[in-house]
Amino acid sequence: MASEPPSDVERSALAFLLHSFYSGLENIFKRIAIQIDGGLPAGDAWHRQLLDRMAQNTDHRSPVISESLYETLNEYLAFRHVVRQSYSFTLQWERWPPSSSIAK
């Protein structure tokens, strides 16, 4: 375990890794939405709507993710937005991992 917070370069690399992780999950969710649900959500908030939909029952399937996993992925979705919309030096190392861990 590191005794010092990561450098700006390390923090940027870690942010990209977490962003890629969530993007991979979102690609799976997009396939489910297209193949089973009949299409993707539309509009500016489609990322949020897609995650919401994966935690809900539909006429064709049970929820894809549990409520606890939804809560954790909600934090990753928020982090994805921060990574895409700000500079890596503004990332707060102390906030991660999220309070609810995906490994639980």
PDB file of N, CA and C in Angstrom:
ATOM      1  N   MET A   1       0.832  -1.178   0.000  1.00  0.00           N
ATOM      2  CA  MET A   1       0.000   0.000   0.000  1.00  0.00           C
ATOM      3  C   MET A   1       0.877   1.241   0.000  1.00  0.00           C
ATOM      4  N   ALA A   2       0.593   2.167  -0.877  1.00  0.00           N
ATOM      5  CA  ALA A   2       1.395   3.378  -1.007  1.00  0.00           C
ATOM      6  C   ALA A   2       1.196   4.295   0.193  1.00  0.00           C
ATOM      7  N   SER A   3       2.267   4.941   0.596  1.00  0.00           N
ATOM      8  CA  SER A   3       2.168   5.853   1.730  1.00  0.00           C
ATOM      9  C   SER A   3       1.877   7.275   1.274  1.00  0.00           C
ATOM     10  N   GLU A   4       2.049   7.554  -0.009  1.00  0.00           N
ATOM     11  CA  GLU A   4       1.790   8.886  -0.546  1.00  0.00           C
ATOM     12  C   GLU A   4       0.704   8.804  -1.612  1.00  0.00           C
ATOM     13  N   PRO A   5      -0.069   9.873  -1.749  1.00  0.00           N
ATOM     14  CA  PRO A   5      -1.057   9.884  -2.837  1.00  0.00           C
ATOM     15  C   PRO A   5      -0.347   9.794  -4.187  1.00  0.00           C
ATOM     16  N   PRO A   6      -1.025   9.305  -5.207  1.00  0.00           N
ATOM     17  CA  PRO A   6      -0.395   9.199  -6.519  1.00  0.00           C
ATOM     18  C   PRO A   6      -0.093  10.574  -7.113  1.00  0.00           C
ATOM     19  N   SER A   7       0.885  10.604  -7.990  1.00  0.00           N
ATOM     20  CA  SER A   7       1.229  11.836  -8.700  1.00  0.00           C
ATOM     21  C   SER A   7       0.108  12.193  -9.669  1.00  0.00           C
ATOM     22  N   ASP A   8       0.199  13.364 -10.278  1.00  0.00           N
ATOM     23  CA  ASP A   8      -0.806  13.776 -11.266  1.00  0.00           C
ATOM     24  C   ASP A   8      -0.876  12.787 -12.426  1.00  0.00           C
ATOM     25  N   VAL A   9       0.263  12.299 -12.864  1.00  0.00           N
ATOM     26  CA  VAL A   9       0.297  11.337 -13.978  1.00  0.00           C
ATOM     27  C   VAL A   9      -0.347  10.019 -13.557  1.00  0.00           C
ATOM     28  N   GLU A  10      -0.003   9.539 -12.377  1.00  0.00           N
ATOM     29  CA  GLU A  10      -0.597   8.295 -11.874  1.00  0.00           C
ATOM     30  C   GLU A  10      -2.098   8.454 -11.659  1.00  0.00           C
ATOM     31  N   ARG A  11      -2.502   9.590 -11.130  1.00  0.00           N
ATOM     32  CA  ARG A  11      -3.924   9.847 -10.900  1.00  0.00           C
ATOM     33  C   ARG A  11      -4.683   9.888 -12.227  1.00  0.00           C
ATOM     34  N   SER A  12      -4.086  10.486 -13.236  1.00  0.00           N
ATOM     35  CA  SER A  12      -4.712  10.517 -14.560  1.00  0.00           C
ATOM     36  C   SER A  12      -4.857   9.111 -15.125  1.00  0.00           C
ATOM     37  N   ALA A  13      -3.827   8.295 -14.972  1.00  0.00           N
ATOM     38  CA  ALA A  13      -3.879   6.918 -15.470  1.00  0.00           C
ATOM     39  C   ALA A  13      -4.943   6.111 -14.738  1.00  0.00           C
ATOM     40  N   LEU A  14      -5.022   6.272 -13.438  1.00  0.00           N
ATOM     41  CA  LEU A  14      -6.032   5.559 -12.657  1.00  0.00           C
ATOM     42  C   LEU A  14      -7.438   6.024 -13.019  1.00  0.00           C
ATOM     43  N   ALA A  15      -7.591   7.314 -13.246  1.00  0.00           N
ATOM     44  CA  ALA A  15      -8.896   7.847 -13.648  1.00  0.00           C
ATOM     45  C   ALA A  15      -9.321   7.249 -14.984  1.00  0.00           C
ATOM     46  N   PHE A  16      -8.377   7.158 -15.919  1.00  0.00           N
ATOM     47  CA  PHE A  16      -8.694   6.566 -17.217  1.00  0.00           C
ATOM     48  C   PHE A  16      -9.066   5.093 -17.068  1.00  0.00           C
ATOM     49  N   LEU A  17      -8.385   4.385 -16.196  1.00  0.00           N
ATOM     50  CA  LEU A  17      -8.692   2.975 -15.956  1.00  0.00           C
ATOM     51  C   LEU A  17     -10.117   2.810 -15.419  1.00  0.00           C
ATOM     52  N   LEU A  18     -10.497   3.627 -14.440  1.00  0.00           N
ATOM     53  CA  LEU A  18     -11.860   3.562 -13.898  1.00  0.00           C
ATOM     54  C   LEU A  18     -12.893   3.972 -14.947  1.00  0.00           C
ATOM     55  N   HIS A  19     -12.573   4.974 -15.739  1.00  0.00           N
ATOM     56  CA  HIS A  19     -13.454   5.402 -16.823  1.00  0.00           C
ATOM     57  C   HIS A  19     -13.644   4.257 -17.811  1.00  0.00           C
ATOM     58  N   SER A  20     -12.578   3.585 -18.167  1.00  0.00           N
ATOM     59  CA  SER A  20     -12.651   2.455 -19.098  1.00  0.00           C
ATOM     60  C   SER A  20     -13.466   1.310 -18.515  1.00  0.00           C
ATOM     61  N   PHE A  21     -13.309   1.053 -17.236  1.00  0.00           N
ATOM     62  CA  PHE A  21     -14.081   0.012 -16.562  1.00  0.00           C
ATOM     63  C   PHE A  21     -15.574   0.293 -16.697  1.00  0.00           C
ATOM     64  N   TYR A  22     -15.978   1.521 -16.352  1.00  0.00           N
ATOM     65  CA  TYR A  22     -17.400   1.841 -16.430  1.00  0.00           C
ATOM     66  C   TYR A  22     -17.890   1.817 -17.886  1.00  0.00           C
ATOM     67  N   SER A  23     -17.078   2.296 -18.804  1.00  0.00           N
ATOM     68  CA  SER A  23     -17.466   2.288 -20.219  1.00  0.00           C
ATOM     69  C   SER A  23     -17.687   0.861 -20.716  1.00  0.00           C
ATOM     70  N   GLY A  24     -16.875  -0.071 -20.247  1.00  0.00           N
ATOM     71  CA  GLY A  24     -17.061  -1.477 -20.612  1.00  0.00           C
ATOM     72  C   GLY A  24     -18.394  -2.012 -20.112  1.00  0.00           C
ATOM     73  N   LEU A  25     -18.733  -1.692 -18.870  1.00  0.00           N
ATOM     74  CA  LEU A  25     -20.037  -2.106 -18.339  1.00  0.00           C
ATOM     75  C   LEU A  25     -21.169  -1.453 -19.116  1.00  0.00           C
ATOM     76  N   GLU A  26     -21.000  -0.186 -19.433  1.00  0.00           N
ATOM     77  CA  GLU A  26     -22.039   0.521 -20.163  1.00  0.00           C
ATOM     78  C   GLU A  26     -22.242  -0.091 -21.555  1.00  0.00           C
ATOM     79  N   ASN A  27     -21.172  -0.570 -22.174  1.00  0.00           N
ATOM     80  CA  ASN A  27     -21.317  -1.244 -23.474  1.00  0.00           C
ATOM     81  C   ASN A  27     -22.151  -2.517 -23.346  1.00  0.00           C
ATOM     82  N   ILE A  28     -21.971  -3.244 -22.259  1.00  0.00           N
ATOM     83  CA  ILE A  28     -22.803  -4.429 -22.012  1.00  0.00           C
ATOM     84  C   ILE A  28     -24.256  -3.999 -21.836  1.00  0.00           C
ATOM     85  N   PHE A  29     -24.484  -2.959 -21.051  1.00  0.00           N
ATOM     86  CA  PHE A  29     -25.843  -2.458 -20.828  1.00  0.00           C
ATOM     87  C   PHE A  29     -26.482  -1.990 -22.141  1.00  0.00           C
ATOM     88  N   LYS A  30     -25.695  -1.366 -23.007  1.00  0.00           N
ATOM     89  CA  LYS A  30     -26.215  -0.917 -24.303  1.00  0.00           C
ATOM     90  C   LYS A  30     -26.664  -2.098 -25.154  1.00  0.00           C
ATOM     91  N   ARG A  31     -25.907  -3.178 -25.143  1.00  0.00           N
ATOM     92  CA  ARG A  31     -26.303  -4.374 -25.888  1.00  0.00           C
ATOM     93  C   ARG A  31     -27.612  -4.953 -25.359  1.00  0.00           C
ATOM     94  N   ILE A  32     -27.735  -4.989 -24.038  1.00  0.00           N
ATOM     95  CA  ILE A  32     -28.973  -5.486 -23.433  1.00  0.00           C
ATOM     96  C   ILE A  32     -30.140  -4.593 -23.832  1.00  0.00           C
ATOM     97  N   ALA A  33     -29.934  -3.284 -23.773  1.00  0.00           N
ATOM     98  CA  ALA A  33     -30.999  -2.341 -24.115  1.00  0.00           C
ATOM     99  C   ALA A  33     -31.436  -2.514 -25.568  1.00  0.00           C
ATOM    100  N   ILE A  34     -30.492  -2.707 -26.454  1.00  0.00           N
ATOM    101  CA  ILE A  34     -30.820  -2.854 -27.875  1.00  0.00           C
ATOM    102  C   ILE A  34     -31.454  -4.214 -28.153  1.00  0.00           C
ATOM    103  N   GLN A  35     -30.826  -5.282 -27.660  1.00  0.00           N
ATOM    104  CA  GLN A  35     -31.257  -6.638 -27.982  1.00  0.00           C
ATOM    105  C   GLN A  35     -32.532  -7.067 -27.243  1.00  0.00           C
ATOM    106  N   ILE A  36     -32.684  -6.655 -26.001  1.00  0.00           N
ATOM    107  CA  ILE A  36     -33.799  -7.145 -25.191  1.00  0.00           C
ATOM    108  C   ILE A  36     -34.862  -6.070 -24.961  1.00  0.00           C
ATOM    109  N   ASP A  37     -34.408  -4.842 -24.651  1.00  0.00           N
ATOM    110  CA  ASP A  37     -35.355  -3.780 -24.311  1.00  0.00           C
ATOM    111  C   ASP A  37     -35.913  -3.053 -25.537  1.00  0.00           C
ATOM    112  N   GLY A  38     -35.302  -3.262 -26.688  1.00  0.00           N
ATOM    113  CA  GLY A  38     -35.822  -2.638 -27.904  1.00  0.00           C
ATOM    114  C   GLY A  38     -35.211  -1.309 -28.278  1.00  0.00           C
ATOM    115  N   GLY A  39     -34.170  -0.888 -27.610  1.00  0.00           N
ATOM    116  CA  GLY A  39     -33.498   0.348 -27.995  1.00  0.00           C
ATOM    117  C   GLY A  39     -32.862   1.070 -26.825  1.00  0.00           C
ATOM    118  N   LEU A  40     -32.044   2.036 -27.179  1.00  0.00           N
ATOM    119  CA  LEU A  40     -31.350   2.842 -26.177  1.00  0.00           C
ATOM    120  C   LEU A  40     -32.200   4.036 -25.767  1.00  0.00           C
ATOM    121  N   PRO A  41     -31.993   4.527 -24.541  1.00  0.00           N
ATOM    122  CA  PRO A  41     -32.634   5.787 -24.164  1.00  0.00           C
ATOM    123  C   PRO A  41     -32.093   6.913 -25.053  1.00  0.00           C
ATOM    124  N   ALA A  42     -32.847   7.985 -25.164  1.00  0.00           N
ATOM    125  CA  ALA A  42     -32.427   9.118 -25.986  1.00  0.00           C
ATOM    126  C   ALA A  42     -32.287  10.371 -25.116  1.00  0.00           C
ATOM    127  N   GLY A  43     -31.627  11.367 -25.660  1.00  0.00           N
ATOM    128  CA  GLY A  43     -31.504  12.652 -24.974  1.00  0.00           C
ATOM    129  C   GLY A  43     -30.196  12.814 -24.240  1.00  0.00           C
ATOM    130  N   ASP A  44     -30.059  13.953 -23.600  1.00  0.00           N
ATOM    131  CA  ASP A  44     -28.818  14.298 -22.906  1.00  0.00           C
ATOM    132  C   ASP A  44     -28.515  13.399 -21.708  1.00  0.00           C
ATOM    133  N   ALA A  45     -29.527  12.850 -21.091  1.00  0.00           N
ATOM    134  CA  ALA A  45     -29.342  12.040 -19.877  1.00  0.00           C
ATOM    135  C   ALA A  45     -29.404  10.542 -20.173  1.00  0.00           C
ATOM    136  N   TRP A  46     -29.052  10.131 -21.385  1.00  0.00           N
ATOM    137  CA  TRP A  46     -29.215   8.717 -21.735  1.00  0.00           C
ATOM    138  C   TRP A  46     -28.315   7.806 -20.916  1.00  0.00           C
ATOM    139  N   HIS A  47     -27.137   8.278 -20.518  1.00  0.00           N
ATOM    140  CA  HIS A  47     -26.253   7.443 -19.686  1.00  0.00           C
ATOM    141  C   HIS A  47     -26.948   7.116 -18.358  1.00  0.00           C
ATOM    142  N   ARG A  48     -27.526   8.124 -17.740  1.00  0.00           N
ATOM    143  CA  ARG A  48     -28.240   7.953 -16.476  1.00  0.00           C
ATOM    144  C   ARG A  48     -29.452   7.045 -16.670  1.00  0.00           C
ATOM    145  N   GLN A  49     -30.216   7.274 -17.722  1.00  0.00           N
ATOM    146  CA  GLN A  49     -31.415   6.479 -17.982  1.00  0.00           C
ATOM    147  C   GLN A  49     -31.063   5.021 -18.246  1.00  0.00           C
ATOM    148  N   LEU A  50     -29.955   4.797 -18.940  1.00  0.00           N
ATOM    149  CA  LEU A  50     -29.527   3.431 -19.216  1.00  0.00           C
ATOM    150  C   LEU A  50     -29.211   2.698 -17.919  1.00  0.00           C
ATOM    151  N   LEU A  51     -28.452   3.328 -17.041  1.00  0.00           N
ATOM    152  CA  LEU A  51     -28.132   2.697 -15.757  1.00  0.00           C
ATOM    153  C   LEU A  51     -29.401   2.463 -14.948  1.00  0.00           C
ATOM    154  N   ASP A  52     -30.284   3.458 -14.912  1.00  0.00           N
ATOM    155  CA  ASP A  52     -31.555   3.290 -14.192  1.00  0.00           C
ATOM    156  C   ASP A  52     -32.331   2.094 -14.722  1.00  0.00           C
ATOM    157  N   ARG A  53     -32.391   1.989 -16.029  1.00  0.00           N
ATOM    158  CA  ARG A  53     -33.162   0.906 -16.657  1.00  0.00           C
ATOM    159  C   ARG A  53     -32.595  -0.467 -16.294  1.00  0.00           C
ATOM    160  N   MET A  54     -31.279  -0.579 -16.160  1.00  0.00           N
ATOM    161  CA  MET A  54     -30.662  -1.874 -15.859  1.00  0.00           C
ATOM    162  C   MET A  54     -31.016  -2.367 -14.461  1.00  0.00           C
ATOM    163  N   ALA A  55     -31.453  -1.469 -13.599  1.00  0.00           N
ATOM    164  CA  ALA A  55     -31.840  -1.857 -12.238  1.00  0.00           C
ATOM    165  C   ALA A  55     -33.335  -2.130 -12.114  1.00  0.00           C
ATOM    166  N   GLN A  56     -34.058  -2.061 -13.222  1.00  0.00           N
ATOM    167  CA  GLN A  56     -35.511  -2.211 -13.192  1.00  0.00           C
ATOM    168  C   GLN A  56     -35.960  -3.457 -13.955  1.00  0.00           C
ATOM    169  N   ASN A  57     -37.112  -3.975 -13.553  1.00  0.00           N
ATOM    170  CA  ASN A  57     -37.789  -5.017 -14.325  1.00  0.00           C
ATOM    171  C   ASN A  57     -38.325  -4.417 -15.612  1.00  0.00           C
ATOM    172  N   THR A  58     -38.374  -5.222 -16.649  1.00  0.00           N
ATOM    173  CA  THR A  58     -39.088  -4.837 -17.865  1.00  0.00           C
ATOM    174  C   THR A  58     -40.021  -5.993 -18.216  1.00  0.00           C
ATOM    175  N   ASP A  59     -40.764  -5.839 -19.281  1.00  0.00           N
ATOM    176  CA  ASP A  59     -41.655  -6.912 -19.725  1.00  0.00           C
ATOM    177  C   ASP A  59     -40.877  -8.144 -20.185  1.00  0.00           C
ATOM    178  N   HIS A  60     -39.596  -7.965 -20.535  1.00  0.00           N
ATOM    179  CA  HIS A  60     -38.817  -9.048 -21.133  1.00  0.00           C
ATOM    180  C   HIS A  60     -37.681  -9.585 -20.267  1.00  0.00           C
ATOM    181  N   ARG A  61     -37.441  -8.946 -19.117  1.00  0.00           N
ATOM    182  CA  ARG A  61     -36.330  -9.416 -18.285  1.00  0.00           C
ATOM    183  C   ARG A  61     -36.454  -8.911 -16.856  1.00  0.00           C
ATOM    184  N   SER A  62     -35.707  -9.576 -15.987  1.00  0.00           N
ATOM    185  CA  SER A  62     -35.552  -9.139 -14.598  1.00  0.00           C
ATOM    186  C   SER A  62     -34.490  -8.040 -14.556  1.00  0.00           C
ATOM    187  N   PRO A  63     -34.308  -7.381 -13.416  1.00  0.00           N
ATOM    188  CA  PRO A  63     -33.225  -6.394 -13.325  1.00  0.00           C
ATOM    189  C   PRO A  63     -31.880  -7.046 -13.643  1.00  0.00           C
ATOM    190  N   VAL A  64     -31.058  -6.331 -14.351  1.00  0.00           N
ATOM    191  CA  VAL A  64     -29.730  -6.822 -14.722  1.00  0.00           C
ATOM    192  C   VAL A  64     -28.766  -6.693 -13.545  1.00  0.00           C
ATOM    193  N   ILE A  65     -28.944  -5.643 -12.751  1.00  0.00           N
ATOM    194  CA  ILE A  65     -28.066  -5.396 -11.605  1.00  0.00           C
ATOM    195  C   ILE A  65     -28.913  -5.234 -10.341  1.00  0.00           C
ATOM    196  N   SER A  66     -28.304  -5.543  -9.211  1.00  0.00           N
ATOM    197  CA  SER A  66     -28.981  -5.398  -7.916  1.00  0.00           C
ATOM    198  C   SER A  66     -29.018  -3.924  -7.509  1.00  0.00           C
ATOM    199  N   GLU A  67     -29.817  -3.641  -6.510  1.00  0.00           N
ATOM    200  CA  GLU A  67     -29.911  -2.267  -6.006  1.00  0.00           C
ATOM    201  C   GLU A  67     -28.570  -1.804  -5.440  1.00  0.00           C
ATOM    202  N   SER A  68     -27.875  -2.679  -4.729  1.00  0.00           N
ATOM    203  CA  SER A  68     -26.578  -2.281  -4.154  1.00  0.00           C
ATOM    204  C   SER A  68     -25.537  -2.046  -5.245  1.00  0.00           C
ATOM    205  N   LEU A  69     -25.541  -2.869  -6.288  1.00  0.00           N
ATOM    206  CA  LEU A  69     -24.618  -2.638  -7.395  1.00  0.00           C
ATOM    207  C   LEU A  69     -24.996  -1.361  -8.138  1.00  0.00           C
ATOM    208  N   TYR A  70     -26.286  -1.094  -8.269  1.00  0.00           N
ATOM    209  CA  TYR A  70     -26.741   0.145  -8.886  1.00  0.00           C
ATOM    210  C   TYR A  70     -26.160   1.352  -8.143  1.00  0.00           C
ATOM    211  N   GLU A  71     -26.228   1.330  -6.821  1.00  0.00           N
ATOM    212  CA  GLU A  71     -25.703   2.449  -6.024  1.00  0.00           C
ATOM    213  C   GLU A  71     -24.210   2.652  -6.273  1.00  0.00           C
ATOM    214  N   THR A  72     -23.465   1.569  -6.326  1.00  0.00           N
ATOM    215  CA  THR A  72     -22.028   1.669  -6.588  1.00  0.00           C
ATOM    216  C   THR A  72     -21.765   2.193  -7.996  1.00  0.00           C
ATOM    217  N   LEU A  73     -22.457   1.630  -8.985  1.00  0.00           N
ATOM    218  CA  LEU A  73     -22.242   2.061 -10.369  1.00  0.00           C
ATOM    219  C   LEU A  73     -22.693   3.491 -10.594  1.00  0.00           C
ATOM    220  N   ASN A  74     -23.634   3.945  -9.796  1.00  0.00           N
ATOM    221  CA  ASN A  74     -24.064   5.335  -9.854  1.00  0.00           C
ATOM    222  C   ASN A  74     -22.884   6.263  -9.543  1.00  0.00           C
ATOM    223  N   GLU A  75     -22.066   5.868  -8.590  1.00  0.00           N
ATOM    224  CA  GLU A  75     -20.873   6.656  -8.257  1.00  0.00           C
ATOM    225  C   GLU A  75     -19.858   6.610  -9.392  1.00  0.00           C
ATOM    226  N   TYR A  76     -19.714   5.459 -10.027  1.00  0.00           N
ATOM    227  CA  TYR A  76     -18.803   5.360 -11.170  1.00  0.00           C
ATOM    228  C   TYR A  76     -19.297   6.200 -12.345  1.00  0.00           C
ATOM    229  N   LEU A  77     -20.605   6.244 -12.540  1.00  0.00           N
ATOM    230  CA  LEU A  77     -21.165   7.080 -13.601  1.00  0.00           C
ATOM    231  C   LEU A  77     -20.856   8.554 -13.323  1.00  0.00           C
ATOM    232  N   ALA A  78     -21.008   8.974 -12.090  1.00  0.00           N
ATOM    233  CA  ALA A  78     -20.674  10.352 -11.721  1.00  0.00           C
ATOM    234  C   ALA A  78     -19.193  10.617 -11.939  1.00  0.00           C
ATOM    235  N   PHE A  79     -18.356   9.650 -11.588  1.00  0.00           N
ATOM    236  CA  PHE A  79     -16.914   9.788 -11.790  1.00  0.00           C
ATOM    237  C   PHE A  79     -16.590   9.883 -13.274  1.00  0.00           C
ATOM    238  N   ARG A  80     -17.273   9.089 -14.107  1.00  0.00           N
ATOM    239  CA  ARG A  80     -17.075   9.139 -15.546  1.00  0.00           C
ATOM    240  C   ARG A  80     -17.306  10.562 -16.056  1.00  0.00           C
ATOM    241  N   HIS A  81     -18.347  11.184 -15.559  1.00  0.00           N
ATOM    242  CA  HIS A  81     -18.657  12.551 -15.962  1.00  0.00           C
ATOM    243  C   HIS A  81     -17.525  13.503 -15.554  1.00  0.00           C
ATOM    244  N   VAL A  82     -17.027  13.358 -14.336  1.00  0.00           N
ATOM    245  CA  VAL A  82     -15.938  14.220 -13.855  1.00  0.00           C
ATOM    246  C   VAL A  82     -14.701  14.038 -14.729  1.00  0.00           C
ATOM    247  N   VAL A  83     -14.361  12.794 -15.043  1.00  0.00           N
ATOM    248  CA  VAL A  83     -13.165  12.525 -15.857  1.00  0.00           C
ATOM    249  C   VAL A  83     -13.302  13.164 -17.237  1.00  0.00           C
ATOM    250  N   ARG A  84     -14.481  13.074 -17.822  1.00  0.00           N
ATOM    251  CA  ARG A  84     -14.693  13.601 -19.166  1.00  0.00           C
ATOM    252  C   ARG A  84     -14.818  15.123 -19.192  1.00  0.00           C
ATOM    253  N   GLN A  85     -15.186  15.738 -18.070  1.00  0.00           N
ATOM    254  CA  GLN A  85     -15.474  17.164 -18.065  1.00  0.00           C
ATOM    255  C   GLN A  85     -14.477  18.032 -17.298  1.00  0.00           C
ATOM    256  N   SER A  86     -13.463  17.445 -16.705  1.00  0.00           N
ATOM    257  CA  SER A  86     -12.533  18.276 -15.936  1.00  0.00           C
ATOM    258  C   SER A  86     -11.101  17.811 -16.142  1.00  0.00           C
ATOM    259  N   TYR A  87     -10.224  18.469 -15.469  1.00  0.00           N
ATOM    260  CA  TYR A  87      -8.805  18.150 -15.549  1.00  0.00           C
ATOM    261  C   TYR A  87      -8.423  17.176 -14.451  1.00  0.00           C
ATOM    262  N   SER A  88      -7.467  16.318 -14.750  1.00  0.00           N
ATOM    263  CA  SER A  88      -7.095  15.276 -13.794  1.00  0.00           C
ATOM    264  C   SER A  88      -6.556  15.824 -12.482  1.00  0.00           C
ATOM    265  N   PHE A  89      -5.937  16.997 -12.496  1.00  0.00           N
ATOM    266  CA  PHE A  89      -5.400  17.526 -11.248  1.00  0.00           C
ATOM    267  C   PHE A  89      -6.495  17.951 -10.269  1.00  0.00           C
ATOM    268  N   THR A  90      -7.745  18.031 -10.738  1.00  0.00           N
ATOM    269  CA  THR A  90      -8.846  18.381  -9.836  1.00  0.00           C
ATOM    270  C   THR A  90      -9.448  17.156  -9.152  1.00  0.00           C
ATOM    271  N   LEU A  91      -9.014  15.972  -9.545  1.00  0.00           N
ATOM    272  CA  LEU A  91      -9.561  14.752  -8.958  1.00  0.00           C
ATOM    273  C   LEU A  91      -9.168  14.654  -7.488  1.00  0.00           C
ATOM    274  N   GLN A  92     -10.109  14.266  -6.662  1.00  0.00           N
ATOM    275  CA  GLN A  92      -9.866  14.139  -5.233  1.00  0.00           C
ATOM    276  C   GLN A  92      -9.566  12.679  -4.903  1.00  0.00           C
ATOM    277  N   TRP A  93      -8.318  12.383  -4.671  1.00  0.00           N
ATOM    278  CA  TRP A  93      -7.878  11.020  -4.424  1.00  0.00           C
ATOM    279  C   TRP A  93      -8.588  10.408  -3.228  1.00  0.00           C
ATOM    280  N   GLU A  94      -8.875  11.201  -2.212  1.00  0.00           N
ATOM    281  CA  GLU A  94      -9.461  10.701  -0.970  1.00  0.00           C
ATOM    282  C   GLU A  94     -10.874  10.149  -1.165  1.00  0.00           C
ATOM    283  N   ARG A  95     -11.566  10.532  -2.239  1.00  0.00           N
ATOM    284  CA  ARG A  95     -12.944  10.077  -2.467  1.00  0.00           C
ATOM    285  C   ARG A  95     -13.011   8.648  -2.972  1.00  0.00           C
ATOM    286  N   TRP A  96     -11.919   8.074  -3.439  1.00  0.00           N
ATOM    287  CA  TRP A  96     -11.967   6.758  -4.081  1.00  0.00           C
ATOM    288  C   TRP A  96     -11.173   5.763  -3.262  1.00  0.00           C
ATOM    289  N   PRO A  97     -11.626   4.553  -3.164  1.00  0.00           N
ATOM    290  CA  PRO A  97     -12.802   4.012  -3.838  1.00  0.00           C
ATOM    291  C   PRO A  97     -14.076   4.568  -3.246  1.00  0.00           C
ATOM    292  N   PRO A  98     -15.187   4.415  -3.987  1.00  0.00           N
ATOM    293  CA  PRO A  98     -16.466   4.904  -3.480  1.00  0.00           C
ATOM    294  C   PRO A  98     -16.809   4.277  -2.142  1.00  0.00           C
ATOM    295  N   SER A  99     -17.701   4.911  -1.406  1.00  0.00           N
ATOM    296  CA  SER A  99     -18.068   4.405  -0.084  1.00  0.00           C
ATOM    297  C   SER A  99     -18.624   2.982  -0.148  1.00  0.00           C
ATOM    298  N   SER A 100     -19.348   2.676  -1.199  1.00  0.00           N
ATOM    299  CA  SER A 100     -19.798   1.302  -1.414  1.00  0.00           C
ATOM    300  C   SER A 100     -18.851   0.681  -2.430  1.00  0.00           C
ATOM    301  N   SER A 101     -18.317  -0.447  -2.124  1.00  0.00           N
ATOM    302  CA  SER A 101     -17.306  -1.040  -2.996  1.00  0.00           C
ATOM    303  C   SER A 101     -17.918  -2.084  -3.918  1.00  0.00           C
ATOM    304  N   ILE A 102     -17.462  -2.097  -5.149  1.00  0.00           N
ATOM    305  CA  ILE A 102     -17.955  -3.071  -6.126  1.00  0.00           C
ATOM    306  C   ILE A 102     -17.516  -4.477  -5.755  1.00  0.00           C
ATOM    307  N   ALA A 103     -16.479  -4.580  -4.956  1.00  0.00           N
ATOM    308  CA  ALA A 103     -15.955  -5.899  -4.583  1.00  0.00           C
ATOM    309  C   ALA A 103     -16.758  -6.557  -3.460  1.00  0.00           C
ATOM    310  N   LYS A 104     -17.687  -5.851  -2.871  1.00  0.00           N
ATOM    311  CA  LYS A 104     -18.467  -6.424  -1.763  1.00  0.00           C
ATOM    312  C   LYS A 104     -19.307  -7.577  -2.217  1.00  0.00           C
TER     313      LYS A 104
END
